[in-house]
C-alpha atoms as a PDB file:
ATOM      1  CA  MET A   1      66.654  56.349  17.283  1.00  0.00           C
ATOM      2  CA  THR A   2      66.750  54.007  20.203  1.00  0.00           C
ATOM      3  CA  THR A   3      69.664  53.490  22.336  1.00  0.00           C
ATOM      4  CA  ARG A   4      69.769  50.042  24.654  1.00  0.00           C
ATOM      5  CA  ILE A   5      71.572  50.277  27.950  1.00  0.00           C
ATOM      6  CA  ASP A   6      72.032  47.011  29.789  1.00  0.00           C
ATOM      7  CA  LEU A   7      71.223  47.658  33.389  1.00  0.00           C
ATOM      8  CA  HIS A   8      73.446  45.227  35.027  1.00  0.00           C
ATOM      9  CA  SER A   9      72.223  46.748  38.658  1.00  0.00           C
ATOM     10  CA  GLU A  10      70.187  48.620  40.780  1.00  0.00           C
ATOM     11  CA  GLN A  11      73.096  51.612  40.818  1.00  0.00           C
ATOM     12  CA  ASP A  12      72.700  51.067  36.534  1.00  0.00           C
ATOM     13  CA  THR A  13      69.152  52.309  36.594  1.00  0.00           C
ATOM     14  CA  ILE A  14      69.717  55.038  39.470  1.00  0.00           C
ATOM     15  CA  ASP A  15      72.864  56.353  37.189  1.00  0.00           C
ATOM     16  CA  LEU A  16      70.223  56.471  34.525  1.00  0.00           C
ATOM     17  CA  ALA A  17      67.867  58.539  36.247  1.00  0.00           C
ATOM     18  CA  TYR A  18      70.477  60.914  37.220  1.00  0.00           C
ATOM     19  CA  TYR A  19      72.055  61.269  33.524  1.00  0.00           C
ATOM     20  CA  LEU A  20      68.362  62.281  32.906  1.00  0.00           C
ATOM     21  CA  GLY A  21      67.774  64.372  35.112  1.00  0.00           C
ATOM     22  CA  PRO A  22      69.360  67.242  34.168  1.00  0.00           C
ATOM     23  CA  MET A  23      67.646  67.326  31.158  1.00  0.00           C
ATOM     24  CA  LEU A  24      64.063  67.722  32.445  1.00  0.00           C
ATOM     25  CA  LYS A  25      62.162  70.509  32.974  1.00  0.00           C
ATOM     26  CA  PRO A  26      58.719  71.679  33.654  1.00  0.00           C
ATOM     27  CA  GLY A  27      56.620  69.980  30.907  1.00  0.00           C
ATOM     28  CA  SER A  28      58.782  67.261  30.646  1.00  0.00           C
ATOM     29  CA  ILE A  29      57.291  63.882  29.694  1.00  0.00           C
ATOM     30  CA  ILE A  30      58.541  60.478  30.531  1.00  0.00           C
ATOM     31  CA  THR A  31      56.796  57.155  29.538  1.00  0.00           C
ATOM     32  CA  LEU A  32      57.815  54.022  31.361  1.00  0.00           C
ATOM     33  CA  ALA A  33      56.629  50.760  29.174  1.00  0.00           C
ATOM     34  CA  GLY A  34      58.036  47.037  29.982  1.00  0.00           C
ATOM     35  CA  GLU A  35      57.622  44.184  31.700  1.00  0.00           C
ATOM     36  CA  LEU A  36      56.400  43.566  35.428  1.00  0.00           C
ATOM     37  CA  GLY A  37      59.193  43.892  37.890  1.00  0.00           C
ATOM     38  CA  SER A  38      61.413  45.619  35.198  1.00  0.00           C
ATOM     39  CA  GLY A  39      62.557  48.494  37.034  1.00  0.00           C
ATOM     40  CA  LYS A  40      60.007  51.224  36.144  1.00  0.00           C
ATOM     41  CA  THR A  41      58.995  52.187  39.486  1.00  0.00           C
ATOM     42  CA  PHE A  42      62.417  51.775  40.780  1.00  0.00           C
ATOM     43  CA  PHE A  43      63.654  54.363  37.946  1.00  0.00           C
ATOM     44  CA  VAL A  44      61.005  56.816  39.461  1.00  0.00           C
ATOM     45  CA  LYS A  45      62.044  56.624  42.831  1.00  0.00           C
ATOM     46  CA  ALA A  46      65.911  57.359  41.607  1.00  0.00           C
ATOM     47  CA  LEU A  47      64.650  59.942  39.806  1.00  0.00           C
ATOM     48  CA  GLY A  48      62.817  61.294  42.544  1.00  0.00           C
ATOM     49  CA  ALA A  49      65.828  61.255  44.576  1.00  0.00           C
ATOM     50  CA  PHE A  50      67.382  63.345  41.895  1.00  0.00           C
ATOM     51  CA  LEU A  51      65.198  65.923  41.864  1.00  0.00           C
ATOM     52  CA  GLY A  52      65.186  65.978  45.741  1.00  0.00           C
ATOM     53  CA  ILE A  53      61.646  64.435  46.656  1.00  0.00           C
ATOM     54  CA  SER A  54      62.055  63.410  50.205  1.00  0.00           C
ATOM     55  CA  GLU A  55      58.671  61.603  50.142  1.00  0.00           C
ATOM     56  CA  GLN A  56      58.887  57.712  49.918  1.00  0.00           C
ATOM     57  CA  ILE A  57      57.586  57.065  45.921  1.00  0.00           C
ATOM     58  CA  VAL A  58      55.733  54.189  45.284  1.00  0.00           C
ATOM     59  CA  SER A  59      53.439  52.489  42.872  1.00  0.00           C
ATOM     60  CA  PRO A  60      50.270  54.580  41.865  1.00  0.00           C
ATOM     61  CA  SER A  61      49.104  50.782  40.752  1.00  0.00           C
ATOM     62  CA  PHE A  62      45.719  51.091  42.795  1.00  0.00           C
ATOM     63  CA  ILE A  63      45.636  54.884  42.825  1.00  0.00           C
ATOM     64  CA  LEU A  64      46.482  55.707  39.284  1.00  0.00           C
ATOM     65  CA  PHE A  65      47.807  59.208  39.909  1.00  0.00           C
ATOM     66  CA  LYS A  66      50.525  60.123  43.054  1.00  0.00           C
ATOM     67  CA  GLU A  67      51.940  63.918  42.924  1.00  0.00           C
ATOM     68  CA  TYR A  68      55.408  64.493  44.913  1.00  0.00           C
ATOM     69  CA  HIS A  69      56.164  67.795  45.957  1.00  0.00           C
ATOM     70  CA  GLY A  70      58.968  69.803  47.547  1.00  0.00           C
ATOM     71  CA  GLY A  71      61.896  68.299  44.951  1.00  0.00           C
ATOM     72  CA  ARG A  72      63.066  70.901  42.467  1.00  0.00           C
ATOM     73  CA  PHE A  73      60.017  70.474  40.411  1.00  0.00           C
ATOM     74  CA  PRO A  74      56.766  68.738  40.508  1.00  0.00           C
ATOM     75  CA  LEU A  75      57.016  65.171  40.184  1.00  0.00           C
ATOM     76  CA  TYR A  76      53.667  63.400  38.914  1.00  0.00           C
ATOM     77  CA  HIS A  77      53.616  59.715  38.639  1.00  0.00           C
ATOM     78  CA  LEU A  78      51.142  58.231  36.809  1.00  0.00           C
ATOM     79  CA  ASP A  79      50.395  54.261  36.312  1.00  0.00           C
ATOM     80  CA  LEU A  80      47.685  53.408  33.686  1.00  0.00           C
ATOM     81  CA  TYR A  81      47.797  49.491  34.093  1.00  0.00           C
ATOM     82  CA  ARG A  82      44.110  49.572  35.022  1.00  0.00           C
ATOM     83  CA  LEU A  83      42.838  52.102  32.563  1.00  0.00           C
ATOM     84  CA  LYS A  84      40.883  50.410  29.892  1.00  0.00           C
ATOM     85  CA  LYS A  85      39.242  53.448  27.723  1.00  0.00           C
ATOM     86  CA  GLU A  86      40.817  56.822  26.988  1.00  0.00           C
ATOM     87  CA  GLU A  87      37.961  58.359  28.186  1.00  0.00           C
ATOM     88  CA  GLU A  88      38.816  57.485  31.911  1.00  0.00           C
ATOM     89  CA  LEU A  89      42.653  58.808  30.927  1.00  0.00           C
ATOM     90  CA  LEU A  90      40.788  62.161  30.288  1.00  0.00           C
ATOM     91  CA  GLU A  91      38.897  62.201  33.699  1.00  0.00           C
ATOM     92  CA  LEU A  92      42.167  61.932  35.293  1.00  0.00           C
ATOM     93  CA  GLY A  93      42.845  65.647  34.211  1.00  0.00           C
ATOM     94  CA  ILE A  94      46.782  64.581  33.271  1.00  0.00           C
ATOM     95  CA  LEU A  95      46.518  67.494  30.380  1.00  0.00           C
ATOM     96  CA  ASP A  96      45.836  70.359  33.151  1.00  0.00           C
ATOM     97  CA  PHE A  97      49.023  69.845  34.880  1.00  0.00           C
ATOM     98  CA  ILE A  98      51.355  68.196  32.887  1.00  0.00           C
ATOM     99  CA  GLU A  99      53.308  71.504  32.248  1.00  0.00           C
ATOM    100  CA  THR A 100      53.943  72.501  35.760  1.00  0.00           C
ATOM    101  CA  GLY A 101      56.304  69.564  36.393  1.00  0.00           C
ATOM    102  CA  ILE A 102      57.710  66.179  35.443  1.00  0.00           C
ATOM    103  CA  THR A 103      55.366  63.741  34.588  1.00  0.00           C
ATOM    104  CA  VAL A 104      56.378  59.837  34.520  1.00  0.00           C
ATOM    105  CA  ILE A 105      53.777  57.813  33.150  1.00  0.00           C
ATOM    106  CA  GLU A 106      54.203  53.659  33.605  1.00  0.00           C
ATOM    107  CA  TRP A 107      52.047  51.331  31.013  1.00  0.00           C
ATOM    108  CA  PRO A 108      51.443  54.555  28.788  1.00  0.00           C
ATOM    109  CA  GLU A 109      49.763  52.842  25.946  1.00  0.00           C
ATOM    110  CA  ILE A 110      46.275  54.077  26.402  1.00  0.00           C
ATOM    111  CA  ALA A 111      47.915  57.803  26.421  1.00  0.00           C
ATOM    112  CA  GLU A 112      49.701  57.396  23.477  1.00  0.00           C
ATOM    113  CA  ASN A 113      47.372  59.599  21.684  1.00  0.00           C
ATOM    114  CA  TYR A 114      47.629  62.425  23.881  1.00  0.00           C
ATOM    115  CA  LEU A 115      51.305  62.891  24.453  1.00  0.00           C
ATOM    116  CA  PRO A 116      53.172  65.463  22.902  1.00  0.00           C
ATOM    117  CA  TYR A 117      56.018  64.694  20.347  1.00  0.00           C
ATOM    118  CA  GLN A 118      58.621  65.476  22.510  1.00  0.00           C
ATOM    119  CA  THR A 119      57.760  62.872  25.405  1.00  0.00           C
ATOM    120  CA  LEU A 120      60.710  60.785  26.276  1.00  0.00           C
ATOM    121  CA  ARG A 121      60.172  56.706  25.846  1.00  0.00           C
ATOM    122  CA  LEU A 122      61.955  54.648  28.100  1.00  0.00           C
ATOM    123  CA  TYR A 123      60.912  50.625  27.878  1.00  0.00           C
ATOM    124  CA  PHE A 124      62.383  48.349  30.184  1.00  0.00           C
ATOM    125  CA  GLY A 125      62.755  44.492  29.401  1.00  0.00           C
ATOM    126  CA  PHE A 126      64.823  41.459  30.432  1.00  0.00           C
ATOM    127  CA  ASP A 127      67.158  39.590  28.400  1.00  0.00           C
ATOM    128  CA  ASN A 128      68.165  36.449  29.931  1.00  0.00           C
ATOM    129  CA  ASP A 129      69.392  37.152  33.484  1.00  0.00           C
ATOM    130  CA  HIS A 130      69.971  41.032  33.007  1.00  0.00           C
ATOM    131  CA  ARG A 131      67.441  43.934  32.870  1.00  0.00           C
ATOM    132  CA  PHE A 132      68.109  46.629  30.061  1.00  0.00           C
ATOM    133  CA  VAL A 133      66.344  49.879  29.040  1.00  0.00           C
ATOM    134  CA  GLU A 134      65.614  50.890  25.612  1.00  0.00           C
ATOM    135  CA  ILE A 135      65.367  54.806  25.152  1.00  0.00           C
ATOM    136  CA  ASN A 136      63.562  56.461  22.469  1.00  0.00           C
ATOM    137  CA  PRO A 137      64.287  60.324  23.252  1.00  0.00           C
ATOM    138  CA  ALA A 138      62.866  63.360  22.080  1.00  0.00           C
ATOM    139  CA  ASP A 139      63.824  65.205  19.091  1.00  0.00           C
ATOM    140  CA  GLU A 140      65.545  67.836  21.247  1.00  0.00           C
ATOM    141  CA  LEU A 141      67.266  64.724  23.711  1.00  0.00           C
ATOM    142  CA  LYS A 142      68.765  62.782  20.813  1.00  0.00           C
ATOM    143  CA  GLN A 143      72.157  64.448  20.557  1.00  0.00           C
ATOM    144  CA  PHE A 144      72.902  62.878  24.258  1.00  0.00           C
ATOM    145  CA  PHE A 145      72.424  59.303  22.958  1.00  0.00           C
ATOM    146  CA  THR A 146      74.278  58.799  20.226  1.00  0.00           C
END
């Protein structure tokens, strides 16, 4: 079951993060797929604000992984765009910490074989002149997207 939501403004993306935020707990994983410039990192910034993280959240494109503390839960932000092999993913050690906080993974395709079935998958895209998100919720969250 996939739910599509049109995002007509930045506020719509912020509202999405604030809607999803209360459903998350340590060990929650969200993947963010989609086109460049479709709002993935902006969503992570809004989610960080919801979690109470005061540190500025930036795209970890060149460092692959950034962690933020000081909020309700740790936030682990990964950008796997530059990875070419699954072995590189394993070297990051993400499987060692994903249970301790909220993990958000941009460009998650290389990690799919290692993600639990409970992963919340978001796809951000463009449709003509506006953005949208397609939400493929984990089983325990499907009730919130009917």
